[in-house]
């Protein structure tokens, strides 16, 4: 996790620094439902490259939003899921989804 001195002073900017990309938000959206394996995530996120997915997962894990469970098997099996901190953050996605539906209803 980052330390307090690495984060913006503004709490909104702090949140944006954690999830401020399209892909991170969509990864979090998926992981709130269940744990996923890497290839499942990549297939579910149409257009994401392996590099971007890997980098995003590493950043989210480093920030304490998701966890990575390595089963140490051959062939390799790794799953990703939400931490308690990440589940708290996922509440924002619920609000964003509600607003998205509301906005579409006004068009």
PDB file of N, CA and C in Angstrom:
ATOM      1  N   UNK A   1       0.840  -1.188   0.000  1.00  0.00           N
ATOM      2  CA  UNK A   1       0.000   0.000   0.000  1.00  0.00           C
ATOM      3  C   UNK A   1       0.879   1.243   0.000  1.00  0.00           C
ATOM      4  N   UNK A   2       0.313   2.280  -0.531  1.00  0.00           N
ATOM      5  CA  UNK A   2       1.018   3.566  -0.512  1.00  0.00           C
ATOM      6  C   UNK A   2       0.999   4.115   0.903  1.00  0.00           C
ATOM      7  N   UNK A   3       1.938   4.990   1.195  1.00  0.00           N
ATOM      8  CA  UNK A   3       1.856   5.638   2.503  1.00  0.00           C
ATOM      9  C   UNK A   3       1.123   6.964   2.347  1.00  0.00           C
ATOM     10  N   UNK A   4       0.731   7.525   3.450  1.00  0.00           N
ATOM     11  CA  UNK A   4      -0.125   8.720   3.463  1.00  0.00           C
ATOM     12  C   UNK A   4       0.499   9.882   2.702  1.00  0.00           C
ATOM     13  N   UNK A   5       1.829   9.976   2.711  1.00  0.00           N
ATOM     14  CA  UNK A   5       2.502  11.089   2.033  1.00  0.00           C
ATOM     15  C   UNK A   5       2.470  10.963   0.520  1.00  0.00           C
ATOM     16  N   UNK A   6       2.189   9.782   0.005  1.00  0.00           N
ATOM     17  CA  UNK A   6       2.133   9.565  -1.442  1.00  0.00           C
ATOM     18  C   UNK A   6       0.752   9.856  -2.026  1.00  0.00           C
ATOM     19  N   UNK A   7      -0.214  10.088  -1.178  1.00  0.00           N
ATOM     20  CA  UNK A   7      -1.595  10.289  -1.633  1.00  0.00           C
ATOM     21  C   UNK A   7      -1.939  11.763  -1.714  1.00  0.00           C
ATOM     22  N   UNK A   8      -2.823  12.126  -2.633  1.00  0.00           N
ATOM     23  CA  UNK A   8      -3.267  13.524  -2.716  1.00  0.00           C
ATOM     24  C   UNK A   8      -3.972  13.950  -1.434  1.00  0.00           C
ATOM     25  N   UNK A   9      -3.964  15.226  -1.180  1.00  0.00           N
ATOM     26  CA  UNK A   9      -4.633  15.746   0.016  1.00  0.00           C
ATOM     27  C   UNK A   9      -6.147  15.609  -0.087  1.00  0.00           C
ATOM     28  N   UNK A  10      -6.670  15.799  -1.271  1.00  0.00           N
ATOM     29  CA  UNK A  10      -8.116  15.732  -1.502  1.00  0.00           C
ATOM     30  C   UNK A  10      -8.584  14.274  -1.491  1.00  0.00           C
ATOM     31  N   UNK A  11      -9.610  13.939  -0.701  1.00  0.00           N
ATOM     32  CA  UNK A  11     -10.081  12.561  -0.649  1.00  0.00           C
ATOM     33  C   UNK A  11     -10.659  12.062  -1.980  1.00  0.00           C
ATOM     34  N   UNK A  12     -11.262  12.938  -2.762  1.00  0.00           N
ATOM     35  CA  UNK A  12     -11.781  12.533  -4.072  1.00  0.00           C
ATOM     36  C   UNK A  12     -10.610  12.179  -4.992  1.00  0.00           C
ATOM     37  N   UNK A  13      -9.568  12.985  -4.970  1.00  0.00           N
ATOM     38  CA  UNK A  13      -8.381  12.712  -5.779  1.00  0.00           C
ATOM     39  C   UNK A  13      -7.709  11.418  -5.334  1.00  0.00           C
ATOM     40  N   UNK A  14      -7.742  11.129  -4.050  1.00  0.00           N
ATOM     41  CA  UNK A  14      -7.185   9.866  -3.545  1.00  0.00           C
ATOM     42  C   UNK A  14      -7.932   8.687  -4.158  1.00  0.00           C
ATOM     43  N   UNK A  15      -9.257   8.742  -4.132  1.00  0.00           N
ATOM     44  CA  UNK A  15     -10.062   7.664  -4.701  1.00  0.00           C
ATOM     45  C   UNK A  15      -9.801   7.521  -6.190  1.00  0.00           C
ATOM     46  N   UNK A  16      -9.741   8.628  -6.894  1.00  0.00           N
ATOM     47  CA  UNK A  16      -9.477   8.582  -8.334  1.00  0.00           C
ATOM     48  C   UNK A  16      -8.104   7.991  -8.607  1.00  0.00           C
ATOM     49  N   UNK A  17      -7.137   8.277  -7.759  1.00  0.00           N
ATOM     50  CA  UNK A  17      -5.797   7.711  -7.974  1.00  0.00           C
ATOM     51  C   UNK A  17      -5.807   6.189  -7.828  1.00  0.00           C
ATOM     52  N   UNK A  18      -6.750   5.664  -7.065  1.00  0.00           N
ATOM     53  CA  UNK A  18      -6.849   4.213  -6.880  1.00  0.00           C
ATOM     54  C   UNK A  18      -7.584   3.531  -8.029  1.00  0.00           C
ATOM     55  N   UNK A  19      -8.586   4.167  -8.571  1.00  0.00           N
ATOM     56  CA  UNK A  19      -9.439   3.515  -9.584  1.00  0.00           C
ATOM     57  C   UNK A  19      -9.580   4.349 -10.847  1.00  0.00           C
ATOM     58  N   UNK A  20      -8.668   5.258 -11.073  1.00  0.00           N
ATOM     59  CA  UNK A  20      -8.826   6.258 -12.118  1.00  0.00           C
ATOM     60  C   UNK A  20      -8.645   5.805 -13.543  1.00  0.00           C
ATOM     61  N   UNK A  21      -8.883   4.544 -13.832  1.00  0.00           N
ATOM     62  CA  UNK A  21      -8.831   4.125 -15.233  1.00  0.00           C
ATOM     63  C   UNK A  21     -10.056   3.276 -15.543  1.00  0.00           C
ATOM     64  N   UNK A  22     -10.423   3.283 -16.789  1.00  0.00           N
ATOM     65  CA  UNK A  22     -11.570   2.488 -17.244  1.00  0.00           C
ATOM     66  C   UNK A  22     -11.382   1.022 -16.860  1.00  0.00           C
ATOM     67  N   UNK A  23     -10.190   0.503 -17.085  1.00  0.00           N
ATOM     68  CA  UNK A  23      -9.967  -0.923 -16.858  1.00  0.00           C
ATOM     69  C   UNK A  23     -10.022  -1.288 -15.388  1.00  0.00           C
ATOM     70  N   UNK A  24      -9.461  -0.452 -14.529  1.00  0.00           N
ATOM     71  CA  UNK A  24      -9.509  -0.768 -13.092  1.00  0.00           C
ATOM     72  C   UNK A  24     -10.951  -0.828 -12.604  1.00  0.00           C
ATOM     73  N   UNK A  25     -11.760   0.104 -13.048  1.00  0.00           N
ATOM     74  CA  UNK A  25     -13.167   0.096 -12.631  1.00  0.00           C
ATOM     75  C   UNK A  25     -13.871  -1.165 -13.102  1.00  0.00           C
ATOM     76  N   UNK A  26     -13.604  -1.589 -14.329  1.00  0.00           N
ATOM     77  CA  UNK A  26     -14.253  -2.790 -14.848  1.00  0.00           C
ATOM     78  C   UNK A  26     -13.717  -4.057 -14.175  1.00  0.00           C
ATOM     79  N   UNK A  27     -12.447  -4.071 -13.835  1.00  0.00           N
ATOM     80  CA  UNK A  27     -11.879  -5.197 -13.085  1.00  0.00           C
ATOM     81  C   UNK A  27     -12.553  -5.293 -11.724  1.00  0.00           C
ATOM     82  N   UNK A  28     -12.660  -4.180 -11.045  1.00  0.00           N
ATOM     83  CA  UNK A  28     -13.314  -4.161  -9.724  1.00  0.00           C
ATOM     84  C   UNK A  28     -14.770  -4.601  -9.856  1.00  0.00           C
ATOM     85  N   UNK A  29     -15.457  -4.117 -10.890  1.00  0.00           N
ATOM     86  CA  UNK A  29     -16.848  -4.525 -11.121  1.00  0.00           C
ATOM     87  C   UNK A  29     -16.963  -6.043 -11.188  1.00  0.00           C
ATOM     88  N   UNK A  30     -16.080  -6.669 -11.944  1.00  0.00           N
ATOM     89  CA  UNK A  30     -16.129  -8.127 -12.069  1.00  0.00           C
ATOM     90  C   UNK A  30     -15.780  -8.831 -10.764  1.00  0.00           C
ATOM     91  N   UNK A  31     -14.750  -8.351 -10.098  1.00  0.00           N
ATOM     92  CA  UNK A  31     -14.280  -9.037  -8.894  1.00  0.00           C
ATOM     93  C   UNK A  31     -15.231  -8.896  -7.708  1.00  0.00           C
ATOM     94  N   UNK A  32     -16.146  -7.943  -7.761  1.00  0.00           N
ATOM     95  CA  UNK A  32     -17.118  -7.831  -6.667  1.00  0.00           C
ATOM     96  C   UNK A  32     -18.114  -8.983  -6.695  1.00  0.00           C
ATOM     97  N   UNK A  33     -18.246  -9.626  -7.849  1.00  0.00           N
ATOM     98  CA  UNK A  33     -19.212 -10.721  -7.988  1.00  0.00           C
ATOM     99  C   UNK A  33     -18.655 -12.060  -7.516  1.00  0.00           C
ATOM    100  N   UNK A  34     -17.348 -12.310  -7.779  1.00  0.00           N
ATOM    101  CA  UNK A  34     -16.725 -13.580  -7.415  1.00  0.00           C
ATOM    102  C   UNK A  34     -15.231 -13.483  -7.678  1.00  0.00           C
ATOM    103  N   UNK A  35     -14.486 -14.537  -7.341  1.00  0.00           N
ATOM    104  CA  UNK A  35     -13.079 -14.573  -7.712  1.00  0.00           C
ATOM    105  C   UNK A  35     -12.969 -14.984  -9.182  1.00  0.00           C
ATOM    106  N   UNK A  36     -11.930 -14.507  -9.826  1.00  0.00           N
ATOM    107  CA  UNK A  36     -11.713 -14.776 -11.243  1.00  0.00           C
ATOM    108  C   UNK A  36     -10.273 -15.206 -11.450  1.00  0.00           C
ATOM    109  N   UNK A  37     -10.068 -16.034 -12.461  1.00  0.00           N
ATOM    110  CA  UNK A  37      -8.726 -16.352 -12.917  1.00  0.00           C
ATOM    111  C   UNK A  37      -8.340 -15.337 -13.993  1.00  0.00           C
ATOM    112  N   UNK A  38      -7.039 -15.204 -14.223  1.00  0.00           N
ATOM    113  CA  UNK A  38      -6.532 -14.187 -15.141  1.00  0.00           C
ATOM    114  C   UNK A  38      -7.186 -14.278 -16.515  1.00  0.00           C
ATOM    115  N   UNK A  39      -7.171 -15.461 -17.110  1.00  0.00           N
ATOM    116  CA  UNK A  39      -7.714 -15.608 -18.466  1.00  0.00           C
ATOM    117  C   UNK A  39      -9.208 -15.314 -18.524  1.00  0.00           C
ATOM    118  N   UNK A  40      -9.931 -15.673 -17.468  1.00  0.00           N
ATOM    119  CA  UNK A  40     -11.368 -15.348 -17.417  1.00  0.00           C
ATOM    120  C   UNK A  40     -11.562 -13.838 -17.441  1.00  0.00           C
ATOM    121  N   UNK A  41     -10.770 -13.140 -16.627  1.00  0.00           N
ATOM    122  CA  UNK A  41     -10.868 -11.678 -16.588  1.00  0.00           C
ATOM    123  C   UNK A  41     -10.566 -11.087 -17.957  1.00  0.00           C
ATOM    124  N   UNK A  42      -9.489 -11.557 -18.567  1.00  0.00           N
ATOM    125  CA  UNK A  42      -9.101 -11.000 -19.859  1.00  0.00           C
ATOM    126  C   UNK A  42     -10.194 -11.214 -20.900  1.00  0.00           C
ATOM    127  N   UNK A  43     -10.797 -12.384 -20.917  1.00  0.00           N
ATOM    128  CA  UNK A  43     -11.873 -12.655 -21.881  1.00  0.00           C
ATOM    129  C   UNK A  43     -13.109 -11.804 -21.599  1.00  0.00           C
ATOM    130  N   UNK A  44     -13.364 -11.504 -20.328  1.00  0.00           N
ATOM    131  CA  UNK A  44     -14.560 -10.738 -19.970  1.00  0.00           C
ATOM    132  C   UNK A  44     -14.398  -9.244 -20.229  1.00  0.00           C
ATOM    133  N   UNK A  45     -13.163  -8.786 -20.384  1.00  0.00           N
ATOM    134  CA  UNK A  45     -12.881  -7.366 -20.596  1.00  0.00           C
ATOM    135  C   UNK A  45     -12.444  -7.171 -22.050  1.00  0.00           C
ATOM    136  N   UNK A  46     -13.413  -7.053 -22.911  1.00  0.00           N
ATOM    137  CA  UNK A  46     -13.174  -6.977 -24.346  1.00  0.00           C
ATOM    138  C   UNK A  46     -12.254  -5.809 -24.681  1.00  0.00           C
ATOM    139  N   UNK A  47     -11.097  -6.126 -25.277  1.00  0.00           N
ATOM    140  CA  UNK A  47     -10.188  -5.079 -25.717  1.00  0.00           C
ATOM    141  C   UNK A  47      -9.003  -4.831 -24.806  1.00  0.00           C
ATOM    142  N   UNK A  48      -8.977  -5.414 -23.623  1.00  0.00           N
ATOM    143  CA  UNK A  48      -7.858  -5.187 -22.719  1.00  0.00           C
ATOM    144  C   UNK A  48      -6.680  -6.064 -23.144  1.00  0.00           C
ATOM    145  N   UNK A  49      -5.490  -5.485 -23.106  1.00  0.00           N
ATOM    146  CA  UNK A  49      -4.303  -6.269 -23.441  1.00  0.00           C
ATOM    147  C   UNK A  49      -3.816  -7.009 -22.194  1.00  0.00           C
ATOM    148  N   UNK A  50      -3.023  -8.026 -22.411  1.00  0.00           N
ATOM    149  CA  UNK A  50      -2.469  -8.790 -21.296  1.00  0.00           C
ATOM    150  C   UNK A  50      -1.615  -7.884 -20.412  1.00  0.00           C
ATOM    151  N   UNK A  51      -0.837  -6.992 -21.019  1.00  0.00           N
ATOM    152  CA  UNK A  51       0.022  -6.094 -20.251  1.00  0.00           C
ATOM    153  C   UNK A  51      -0.789  -5.148 -19.374  1.00  0.00           C
ATOM    154  N   UNK A  52      -1.826  -4.548 -19.953  1.00  0.00           N
ATOM    155  CA  UNK A  52      -2.649  -3.605 -19.187  1.00  0.00           C
ATOM    156  C   UNK A  52      -3.360  -4.333 -18.050  1.00  0.00           C
ATOM    157  N   UNK A  53      -3.871  -5.531 -18.308  1.00  0.00           N
ATOM    158  CA  UNK A  53      -4.533  -6.294 -17.253  1.00  0.00           C
ATOM    159  C   UNK A  53      -3.540  -6.648 -16.151  1.00  0.00           C
ATOM    160  N   UNK A  54      -2.373  -7.123 -16.528  1.00  0.00           N
ATOM    161  CA  UNK A  54      -1.350  -7.465 -15.540  1.00  0.00           C
ATOM    162  C   UNK A  54      -0.968  -6.255 -14.699  1.00  0.00           C
ATOM    163  N   UNK A  55      -0.697  -5.127 -15.352  1.00  0.00           N
ATOM    164  CA  UNK A  55      -0.314  -3.908 -14.634  1.00  0.00           C
ATOM    165  C   UNK A  55      -1.431  -3.436 -13.705  1.00  0.00           C
ATOM    166  N   UNK A  56      -2.670  -3.469 -14.196  1.00  0.00           N
ATOM    167  CA  UNK A  56      -3.809  -3.018 -13.380  1.00  0.00           C
ATOM    168  C   UNK A  56      -4.003  -3.919 -12.169  1.00  0.00           C
ATOM    169  N   UNK A  57      -3.908  -5.233 -12.367  1.00  0.00           N
ATOM    170  CA  UNK A  57      -4.050  -6.163 -11.242  1.00  0.00           C
ATOM    171  C   UNK A  57      -2.948  -5.949 -10.213  1.00  0.00           C
ATOM    172  N   UNK A  58      -1.732  -5.743 -10.677  1.00  0.00           N
ATOM    173  CA  UNK A  58      -0.615  -5.502  -9.750  1.00  0.00           C
ATOM    174  C   UNK A  58      -0.823  -4.232  -8.946  1.00  0.00           C
ATOM    175  N   UNK A  59      -1.286  -3.166  -9.613  1.00  0.00           N
ATOM    176  CA  UNK A  59      -1.530  -1.900  -8.912  1.00  0.00           C
ATOM    177  C   UNK A  59      -2.654  -2.051  -7.887  1.00  0.00           C
ATOM    178  N   UNK A  60      -3.736  -2.706  -8.288  1.00  0.00           N
ATOM    179  CA  UNK A  60      -4.857  -2.898  -7.368  1.00  0.00           C
ATOM    180  C   UNK A  60      -4.450  -3.766  -6.181  1.00  0.00           C
ATOM    181  N   UNK A  61      -3.625  -4.766  -6.432  1.00  0.00           N
ATOM    182  CA  UNK A  61      -3.139  -5.611  -5.338  1.00  0.00           C
ATOM    183  C   UNK A  61      -2.210  -4.812  -4.425  1.00  0.00           C
ATOM    184  N   UNK A  62      -1.321  -4.047  -5.003  1.00  0.00           N
ATOM    185  CA  UNK A  62      -0.390  -3.226  -4.232  1.00  0.00           C
ATOM    186  C   UNK A  62      -1.120  -2.212  -3.354  1.00  0.00           C
ATOM    187  N   UNK A  63      -2.238  -1.702  -3.863  1.00  0.00           N
ATOM    188  CA  UNK A  63      -3.031  -0.719  -3.104  1.00  0.00           C
ATOM    189  C   UNK A  63      -3.972  -1.369  -2.091  1.00  0.00           C
ATOM    190  N   UNK A  64      -3.985  -2.704  -2.046  1.00  0.00           N
ATOM    191  CA  UNK A  64      -4.815  -3.391  -1.060  1.00  0.00           C
ATOM    192  C   UNK A  64      -6.272  -3.544  -1.451  1.00  0.00           C
ATOM    193  N   UNK A  65      -6.594  -3.304  -2.720  1.00  0.00           N
ATOM    194  CA  UNK A  65      -7.975  -3.363  -3.186  1.00  0.00           C
ATOM    195  C   UNK A  65      -8.372  -4.804  -3.522  1.00  0.00           C
ATOM    196  N   UNK A  66      -7.441  -5.552  -4.111  1.00  0.00           N
ATOM    197  CA  UNK A  66      -7.706  -6.944  -4.466  1.00  0.00           C
ATOM    198  C   UNK A  66      -6.635  -7.841  -3.854  1.00  0.00           C
ATOM    199  N   UNK A  67      -6.920  -9.134  -3.835  1.00  0.00           N
ATOM    200  CA  UNK A  67      -5.909 -10.107  -3.426  1.00  0.00           C
ATOM    201  C   UNK A  67      -5.627 -11.040  -4.587  1.00  0.00           C
ATOM    202  N   UNK A  68      -4.465 -11.643  -4.543  1.00  0.00           N
ATOM    203  CA  UNK A  68      -4.035 -12.627  -5.543  1.00  0.00           C
ATOM    204  C   UNK A  68      -3.715 -13.898  -4.780  1.00  0.00           C
ATOM    205  N   UNK A  69      -4.379 -14.983  -5.133  1.00  0.00           N
ATOM    206  CA  UNK A  69      -4.127 -16.264  -4.482  1.00  0.00           C
ATOM    207  C   UNK A  69      -3.477 -17.200  -5.490  1.00  0.00           C
ATOM    208  N   UNK A  70      -2.255 -17.605  -5.188  1.00  0.00           N
ATOM    209  CA  UNK A  70      -1.499 -18.525  -6.025  1.00  0.00           C
ATOM    210  C   UNK A  70      -1.590 -19.905  -5.393  1.00  0.00           C
ATOM    211  N   UNK A  71      -2.103 -20.871  -6.151  1.00  0.00           N
ATOM    212  CA  UNK A  71      -2.287 -22.225  -5.628  1.00  0.00           C
ATOM    213  C   UNK A  71      -1.025 -23.088  -5.760  1.00  0.00           C
ATOM    214  N   UNK A  72       0.023 -22.561  -6.375  1.00  0.00           N
ATOM    215  CA  UNK A  72       1.299 -23.265  -6.538  1.00  0.00           C
ATOM    216  C   UNK A  72       1.105 -24.658  -7.112  1.00  0.00           C
ATOM    217  N   UNK A  73       0.378 -24.716  -8.221  1.00  0.00           N
ATOM    218  CA  UNK A  73       0.130 -25.986  -8.896  1.00  0.00           C
ATOM    219  C   UNK A  73       0.745 -25.938 -10.289  1.00  0.00           C
ATOM    220  N   UNK A  74       0.789 -27.099 -10.900  1.00  0.00           N
ATOM    221  CA  UNK A  74       1.241 -27.175 -12.271  1.00  0.00           C
ATOM    222  C   UNK A  74       0.169 -27.907 -13.066  1.00  0.00           C
ATOM    223  N   UNK A  75      -0.516 -27.273 -14.013  1.00  0.00           N
ATOM    224  CA  UNK A  75      -0.290 -25.921 -14.498  1.00  0.00           C
ATOM    225  C   UNK A  75      -0.661 -24.877 -13.447  1.00  0.00           C
ATOM    226  N   UNK A  76      -0.095 -23.681 -13.597  1.00  0.00           N
ATOM    227  CA  UNK A  76      -0.339 -22.626 -12.598  1.00  0.00           C
ATOM    228  C   UNK A  76      -1.823 -22.289 -12.466  1.00  0.00           C
ATOM    229  N   UNK A  77      -2.229 -22.061 -11.238  1.00  0.00           N
ATOM    230  CA  UNK A  77      -3.593 -21.606 -10.962  1.00  0.00           C
ATOM    231  C   UNK A  77      -3.501 -20.419 -10.009  1.00  0.00           C
ATOM    232  N   UNK A  78      -4.009 -19.276 -10.471  1.00  0.00           N
ATOM    233  CA  UNK A  78      -4.012 -18.044  -9.685  1.00  0.00           C
ATOM    234  C   UNK A  78      -5.411 -17.456  -9.774  1.00  0.00           C
ATOM    235  N   UNK A  79      -5.928 -17.010  -8.647  1.00  0.00           N
ATOM    236  CA  UNK A  79      -7.236 -16.356  -8.618  1.00  0.00           C
ATOM    237  C   UNK A  79      -7.094 -14.968  -8.016  1.00  0.00           C
ATOM    238  N   UNK A  80      -7.990 -14.078  -8.445  1.00  0.00           N
ATOM    239  CA  UNK A  80      -8.039 -12.714  -7.939  1.00  0.00           C
ATOM    240  C   UNK A  80      -9.412 -12.481  -7.328  1.00  0.00           C
ATOM    241  N   UNK A  81      -9.439 -11.739  -6.235  1.00  0.00           N
ATOM    242  CA  UNK A  81     -10.694 -11.407  -5.576  1.00  0.00           C
ATOM    243  C   UNK A  81     -10.561 -10.089  -4.835  1.00  0.00           C
ATOM    244  N   UNK A  82     -11.641  -9.680  -4.222  1.00  0.00           N
ATOM    245  CA  UNK A  82     -11.676  -8.398  -3.516  1.00  0.00           C
ATOM    246  C   UNK A  82     -11.287  -8.565  -2.052  1.00  0.00           C
ATOM    247  N   UNK A  83     -10.530  -7.611  -1.544  1.00  0.00           N
ATOM    248  CA  UNK A  83     -10.248  -7.537  -0.116  1.00  0.00           C
ATOM    249  C   UNK A  83     -11.418  -6.806   0.552  1.00  0.00           C
ATOM    250  N   UNK A  84     -11.419  -6.764   1.867  1.00  0.00           N
ATOM    251  CA  UNK A  84     -12.457  -5.998   2.568  1.00  0.00           C
ATOM    252  C   UNK A  84     -12.393  -4.526   2.170  1.00  0.00           C
ATOM    253  N   UNK A  85     -11.185  -4.010   2.017  1.00  0.00           N
ATOM    254  CA  UNK A  85     -11.020  -2.623   1.579  1.00  0.00           C
ATOM    255  C   UNK A  85     -11.615  -2.432   0.180  1.00  0.00           C
ATOM    256  N   UNK A  86     -11.366  -3.385  -0.696  1.00  0.00           N
ATOM    257  CA  UNK A  86     -11.912  -3.324  -2.048  1.00  0.00           C
ATOM    258  C   UNK A  86     -13.427  -3.391  -2.068  1.00  0.00           C
ATOM    259  N   UNK A  87     -13.995  -4.222  -1.203  1.00  0.00           N
ATOM    260  CA  UNK A  87     -15.459  -4.314  -1.140  1.00  0.00           C
ATOM    261  C   UNK A  87     -16.070  -2.996  -0.690  1.00  0.00           C
ATOM    262  N   UNK A  88     -15.383  -2.303   0.195  1.00  0.00           N
ATOM    263  CA  UNK A  88     -15.850  -0.978   0.611  1.00  0.00           C
ATOM    264  C   UNK A  88     -15.818  -0.021  -0.585  1.00  0.00           C
ATOM    265  N   UNK A  89     -14.766  -0.087  -1.363  1.00  0.00           N
ATOM    266  CA  UNK A  89     -14.635   0.748  -2.556  1.00  0.00           C
ATOM    267  C   UNK A  89     -15.697   0.404  -3.596  1.00  0.00           C
ATOM    268  N   UNK A  90     -16.081  -0.849  -3.674  1.00  0.00           N
ATOM    269  CA  UNK A  90     -17.046  -1.267  -4.698  1.00  0.00           C
ATOM    270  C   UNK A  90     -18.412  -0.602  -4.514  1.00  0.00           C
ATOM    271  N   UNK A  91     -18.687  -0.078  -3.342  1.00  0.00           N
ATOM    272  CA  UNK A  91     -19.948   0.643  -3.129  1.00  0.00           C
ATOM    273  C   UNK A  91     -20.053   1.842  -4.072  1.00  0.00           C
ATOM    274  N   UNK A  92     -18.911   2.408  -4.416  1.00  0.00           N
ATOM    275  CA  UNK A  92     -18.893   3.530  -5.355  1.00  0.00           C
ATOM    276  C   UNK A  92     -19.421   3.087  -6.717  1.00  0.00           C
ATOM    277  N   UNK A  93     -19.072   1.869  -7.112  1.00  0.00           N
ATOM    278  CA  UNK A  93     -19.544   1.365  -8.406  1.00  0.00           C
ATOM    279  C   UNK A  93     -21.059   1.216  -8.426  1.00  0.00           C
ATOM    280  N   UNK A  94     -21.641   0.821  -7.299  1.00  0.00           N
ATOM    281  CA  UNK A  94     -23.098   0.726  -7.222  1.00  0.00           C
ATOM    282  C   UNK A  94     -23.734   2.087  -7.471  1.00  0.00           C
ATOM    283  N   UNK A  95     -23.162   3.114  -6.880  1.00  0.00           N
ATOM    284  CA  UNK A  95     -23.682   4.473  -7.065  1.00  0.00           C
ATOM    285  C   UNK A  95     -23.483   4.919  -8.509  1.00  0.00           C
ATOM    286  N   UNK A  96     -22.320   4.595  -9.085  1.00  0.00           N
ATOM    287  CA  UNK A  96     -22.061   4.951 -10.485  1.00  0.00           C
ATOM    288  C   UNK A  96     -23.044   4.240 -11.409  1.00  0.00           C
ATOM    289  N   UNK A  97     -23.336   2.975 -11.135  1.00  0.00           N
ATOM    290  CA  UNK A  97     -24.289   2.226 -11.958  1.00  0.00           C
ATOM    291  C   UNK A  97     -25.680   2.855 -11.868  1.00  0.00           C
ATOM    292  N   UNK A  98     -26.083   3.241 -10.667  1.00  0.00           N
ATOM    293  CA  UNK A  98     -27.390   3.879 -10.491  1.00  0.00           C
ATOM    294  C   UNK A  98     -27.456   5.185 -11.274  1.00  0.00           C
ATOM    295  N   UNK A  99     -26.389   5.969 -11.188  1.00  0.00           N
ATOM    296  CA  UNK A  99     -26.379   7.221 -11.934  1.00  0.00           C
ATOM    297  C   UNK A  99     -26.398   6.960 -13.438  1.00  0.00           C
ATOM    298  N   UNK A 100     -25.640   5.967 -13.892  1.00  0.00           N
ATOM    299  CA  UNK A 100     -25.625   5.637 -15.317  1.00  0.00           C
ATOM    300  C   UNK A 100     -27.019   5.278 -15.821  1.00  0.00           C
ATOM    301  N   UNK A 101     -27.752   4.464 -15.039  1.00  0.00           N
ATOM    302  CA  UNK A 101     -29.121   4.119 -15.409  1.00  0.00           C
ATOM    303  C   UNK A 101     -30.021   5.351 -15.414  1.00  0.00           C
ATOM    304  N   UNK A 102     -29.872   6.190 -14.392  1.00  0.00           N
ATOM    305  CA  UNK A 102     -30.668   7.418 -14.311  1.00  0.00           C
ATOM    306  C   UNK A 102     -30.387   8.327 -15.507  1.00  0.00           C
ATOM    307  N   UNK A 103     -29.114   8.493 -15.817  1.00  0.00           N
ATOM    308  CA  UNK A 103     -28.718   9.350 -16.941  1.00  0.00           C
ATOM    309  C   UNK A 103     -29.313   8.824 -18.253  1.00  0.00           C
ATOM    310  N   UNK A 104     -29.203   7.545 -18.479  1.00  0.00           N
ATOM    311  CA  UNK A 104     -29.758   6.958 -19.713  1.00  0.00           C
ATOM    312  C   UNK A 104     -31.255   7.147 -19.800  1.00  0.00           C
ATOM    313  N   UNK A 105     -31.940   7.108 -18.640  1.00  0.00           N
ATOM    314  CA  UNK A 105     -33.399   7.262 -18.648  1.00  0.00           C
ATOM    315  C   UNK A 105     -33.819   8.680 -19.032  1.00  0.00           C
ATOM    316  N   UNK A 106     -32.918   9.632 -18.921  1.00  0.00           N
ATOM    317  CA  UNK A 106     -33.227  11.031 -19.225  1.00  0.00           C
ATOM    318  C   UNK A 106     -32.944  11.384 -20.678  1.00  0.00           C
ATOM    319  N   UNK A 107     -32.343  10.458 -21.418  1.00  0.00           N
ATOM    320  CA  UNK A 107     -32.007  10.744 -22.832  1.00  0.00           C
ATOM    321  C   UNK A 107     -33.187  10.518 -23.744  1.00  0.00           C
TER     322      UNK A 107
END
